[in-house]
N, C-alpha and C. Protein backbone atom coordinates (compact mmCIF):
# COMPACT_ATOMS: atom_id res chain seq x y z
N UNK A 1 0.64 -0.90 -6.56
CA UNK A 1 -0.03 -0.71 -7.84
C UNK A 1 0.89 -1.18 -8.96
N UNK A 2 2.15 -0.78 -8.86
CA UNK A 2 3.10 -1.15 -9.91
C UNK A 2 3.22 -2.66 -10.07
N UNK A 3 3.31 -3.38 -8.95
CA UNK A 3 3.43 -4.84 -9.04
C UNK A 3 2.21 -5.46 -9.70
N UNK A 4 1.03 -4.92 -9.41
CA UNK A 4 -0.19 -5.42 -10.03
C UNK A 4 -0.24 -5.16 -11.53
N UNK A 5 0.31 -4.05 -11.94
CA UNK A 5 0.30 -3.69 -13.36
C UNK A 5 1.38 -4.39 -14.17
N UNK A 6 2.49 -4.73 -13.52
CA UNK A 6 3.62 -5.30 -14.26
C UNK A 6 3.79 -6.80 -14.08
N UNK A 7 3.04 -7.42 -13.18
CA UNK A 7 3.16 -8.86 -12.96
C UNK A 7 2.67 -9.63 -14.18
N UNK A 8 3.28 -10.78 -14.41
CA UNK A 8 2.90 -11.60 -15.55
C UNK A 8 1.94 -12.68 -15.11
N UNK A 9 0.68 -12.46 -15.37
CA UNK A 9 -0.38 -13.43 -15.10
C UNK A 9 -1.51 -13.12 -16.07
N UNK A 10 -2.40 -14.05 -16.21
CA UNK A 10 -3.54 -13.80 -17.09
C UNK A 10 -4.82 -13.85 -16.29
N UNK A 11 -5.81 -13.17 -16.77
CA UNK A 11 -7.11 -13.19 -16.13
C UNK A 11 -7.26 -12.10 -15.08
N UNK A 12 -8.34 -12.24 -14.33
CA UNK A 12 -8.72 -11.27 -13.31
C UNK A 12 -8.55 -11.92 -11.95
N UNK A 13 -7.92 -11.22 -11.03
CA UNK A 13 -7.69 -11.76 -9.70
C UNK A 13 -7.97 -10.68 -8.65
N UNK A 14 -8.77 -11.03 -7.67
CA UNK A 14 -9.02 -10.11 -6.55
C UNK A 14 -7.95 -10.36 -5.50
N UNK A 15 -7.32 -9.31 -5.03
CA UNK A 15 -6.24 -9.43 -4.06
C UNK A 15 -6.47 -8.47 -2.90
N UNK A 16 -6.11 -8.91 -1.71
CA UNK A 16 -6.07 -8.02 -0.56
C UNK A 16 -4.67 -7.43 -0.51
N UNK A 17 -4.59 -6.11 -0.55
CA UNK A 17 -3.32 -5.41 -0.44
C UNK A 17 -3.39 -4.60 0.86
N UNK A 18 -2.84 -5.17 1.88
CA UNK A 18 -2.90 -4.55 3.20
C UNK A 18 -1.67 -4.95 4.00
N UNK A 19 -1.58 -4.45 5.20
CA UNK A 19 -0.46 -4.75 6.08
C UNK A 19 -0.49 -6.22 6.49
N UNK A 20 0.59 -6.71 7.01
CA UNK A 20 0.65 -8.11 7.44
C UNK A 20 0.28 -8.28 8.91
N UNK A 21 0.00 -7.16 9.60
CA UNK A 21 -0.37 -7.20 11.02
C UNK A 21 -1.73 -6.53 11.23
N UNK A 22 -2.38 -6.82 12.38
CA UNK A 22 -3.69 -6.23 12.61
C UNK A 22 -3.65 -4.93 13.40
N UNK A 23 -2.61 -4.64 14.15
CA UNK A 23 -2.41 -3.41 14.91
C UNK A 23 -3.50 -3.13 15.94
N UNK A 24 -4.17 -4.16 16.41
CA UNK A 24 -5.21 -3.99 17.43
C UNK A 24 -4.66 -4.22 18.82
N UNK A 25 -3.40 -4.58 18.94
CA UNK A 25 -2.73 -4.82 20.22
C UNK A 25 -3.24 -6.07 20.93
N UNK A 26 -4.00 -6.91 20.23
CA UNK A 26 -4.37 -8.23 20.76
C UNK A 26 -4.23 -9.24 19.63
N UNK A 27 -4.06 -10.50 19.99
CA UNK A 27 -3.85 -11.54 18.98
C UNK A 27 -5.07 -11.66 18.05
N UNK A 28 -4.79 -11.94 16.81
CA UNK A 28 -5.83 -12.00 15.78
C UNK A 28 -6.90 -13.05 16.07
N UNK A 29 -6.49 -14.20 16.57
CA UNK A 29 -7.47 -15.25 16.87
C UNK A 29 -8.46 -14.76 17.94
N UNK A 30 -7.96 -14.12 18.98
CA UNK A 30 -8.82 -13.58 20.02
C UNK A 30 -9.70 -12.47 19.46
N UNK A 31 -9.14 -11.63 18.62
CA UNK A 31 -9.91 -10.57 17.99
C UNK A 31 -11.07 -11.15 17.18
N UNK A 32 -10.79 -12.19 16.42
CA UNK A 32 -11.85 -12.85 15.64
C UNK A 32 -12.91 -13.45 16.55
N UNK A 33 -12.49 -14.08 17.63
CA UNK A 33 -13.45 -14.69 18.56
C UNK A 33 -14.32 -13.63 19.24
N UNK A 34 -13.76 -12.47 19.53
CA UNK A 34 -14.53 -11.39 20.17
C UNK A 34 -15.56 -10.77 19.23
N UNK A 35 -15.16 -10.52 17.98
CA UNK A 35 -16.05 -9.84 17.05
C UNK A 35 -16.90 -10.77 16.19
N UNK A 36 -16.50 -12.03 16.07
CA UNK A 36 -17.24 -12.99 15.27
C UNK A 36 -17.43 -14.28 16.07
N UNK A 37 -18.17 -14.23 17.18
CA UNK A 37 -18.28 -15.38 18.07
C UNK A 37 -18.94 -16.60 17.44
N UNK A 38 -19.72 -16.41 16.38
CA UNK A 38 -20.39 -17.54 15.74
C UNK A 38 -19.47 -18.33 14.80
N UNK A 39 -18.35 -17.75 14.44
CA UNK A 39 -17.40 -18.43 13.55
C UNK A 39 -16.60 -19.44 14.38
N UNK A 40 -16.69 -20.69 14.01
CA UNK A 40 -16.00 -21.76 14.75
C UNK A 40 -14.86 -22.39 13.96
N UNK A 41 -14.86 -22.19 12.64
CA UNK A 41 -13.85 -22.79 11.78
C UNK A 41 -13.12 -21.70 11.01
N UNK A 42 -11.82 -21.76 11.03
CA UNK A 42 -11.00 -20.79 10.31
C UNK A 42 -10.24 -21.50 9.20
N UNK A 43 -10.07 -20.86 8.06
CA UNK A 43 -9.38 -21.46 6.92
C UNK A 43 -7.88 -21.58 7.13
N UNK A 44 -7.33 -20.75 8.00
CA UNK A 44 -5.89 -20.77 8.23
C UNK A 44 -5.60 -20.33 9.66
N UNK A 45 -4.40 -20.60 10.08
CA UNK A 45 -3.95 -20.16 11.40
C UNK A 45 -3.70 -18.65 11.36
N UNK A 46 -3.86 -18.00 12.49
CA UNK A 46 -3.57 -16.58 12.60
C UNK A 46 -2.68 -16.37 13.82
N UNK A 47 -1.42 -16.71 13.70
CA UNK A 47 -0.53 -16.58 14.86
C UNK A 47 -0.27 -15.13 15.22
N UNK A 48 -0.20 -14.85 16.50
CA UNK A 48 0.10 -13.50 16.96
C UNK A 48 -0.88 -12.47 16.43
N UNK A 49 -0.34 -11.38 15.94
CA UNK A 49 -1.18 -10.31 15.42
C UNK A 49 -1.17 -10.26 13.89
N UNK A 50 -0.98 -11.41 13.26
CA UNK A 50 -1.00 -11.46 11.80
C UNK A 50 -2.36 -10.99 11.28
N UNK A 51 -2.37 -10.46 10.08
CA UNK A 51 -3.60 -9.94 9.50
C UNK A 51 -4.68 -11.03 9.37
N UNK A 52 -5.92 -10.64 9.57
CA UNK A 52 -7.03 -11.58 9.38
C UNK A 52 -7.43 -11.64 7.91
N UNK A 53 -7.05 -10.63 7.12
CA UNK A 53 -7.29 -10.64 5.69
C UNK A 53 -6.02 -11.17 5.02
N UNK A 54 -6.09 -12.37 4.53
CA UNK A 54 -4.89 -13.00 3.99
C UNK A 54 -4.34 -12.27 2.78
N UNK A 55 -3.05 -12.03 2.81
CA UNK A 55 -2.36 -11.43 1.66
C UNK A 55 -1.55 -12.49 0.91
N UNK A 56 -1.80 -13.76 1.23
CA UNK A 56 -1.04 -14.86 0.61
C UNK A 56 -1.18 -14.89 -0.91
N UNK A 57 -2.38 -14.65 -1.43
CA UNK A 57 -2.58 -14.69 -2.88
C UNK A 57 -1.78 -13.57 -3.55
N UNK A 58 -1.75 -12.39 -2.95
CA UNK A 58 -0.97 -11.28 -3.51
C UNK A 58 0.52 -11.58 -3.44
N UNK A 59 0.92 -12.22 -2.35
CA UNK A 59 2.34 -12.61 -2.23
C UNK A 59 2.73 -13.57 -3.35
N UNK A 60 1.88 -14.52 -3.63
CA UNK A 60 2.16 -15.53 -4.63
C UNK A 60 2.05 -14.98 -6.06
N UNK A 61 0.98 -14.27 -6.33
CA UNK A 61 0.69 -13.85 -7.70
C UNK A 61 1.54 -12.68 -8.18
N UNK A 62 1.72 -11.67 -7.34
CA UNK A 62 2.46 -10.49 -7.79
C UNK A 62 3.68 -10.18 -6.94
N UNK A 63 4.09 -11.14 -6.11
CA UNK A 63 5.28 -10.99 -5.27
C UNK A 63 5.14 -9.79 -4.33
N UNK A 64 3.93 -9.62 -3.77
CA UNK A 64 3.66 -8.50 -2.87
C UNK A 64 4.17 -8.78 -1.47
N UNK A 65 4.78 -7.80 -0.88
CA UNK A 65 5.17 -7.84 0.52
C UNK A 65 5.04 -6.41 1.05
N UNK A 66 4.31 -6.21 2.15
CA UNK A 66 4.16 -4.85 2.67
C UNK A 66 5.52 -4.20 2.96
N UNK A 67 5.69 -2.99 2.48
CA UNK A 67 6.94 -2.25 2.71
C UNK A 67 6.81 -1.31 3.89
N UNK A 68 5.61 -0.88 4.17
CA UNK A 68 5.36 0.07 5.24
C UNK A 68 4.31 -0.49 6.16
N UNK A 69 4.29 0.00 7.38
CA UNK A 69 3.31 -0.47 8.34
C UNK A 69 2.65 0.72 9.00
N UNK A 70 1.44 0.53 9.41
CA UNK A 70 0.72 1.56 10.15
C UNK A 70 1.16 1.47 11.59
N UNK A 71 1.89 2.43 12.08
CA UNK A 71 2.42 2.40 13.44
C UNK A 71 1.35 2.60 14.48
N UNK A 72 1.58 2.00 15.63
CA UNK A 72 0.65 2.18 16.73
C UNK A 72 0.94 3.47 17.46
């Protein structure tokens, strides 16, 4: 919250603020294929168990990096 309030940018930006991993114990690409079988094209690679909800915009705009993780 603090980074969002103190970052220097203008305008309105929607950001995903979540963990960097999926914690499903299976690779993200396989997870996507299992739950969204009709999706054939992905906007980015999802190596390993990286999050399917990209936090790249938050990383760039407000220097966000997850400090804590949801343990399995």
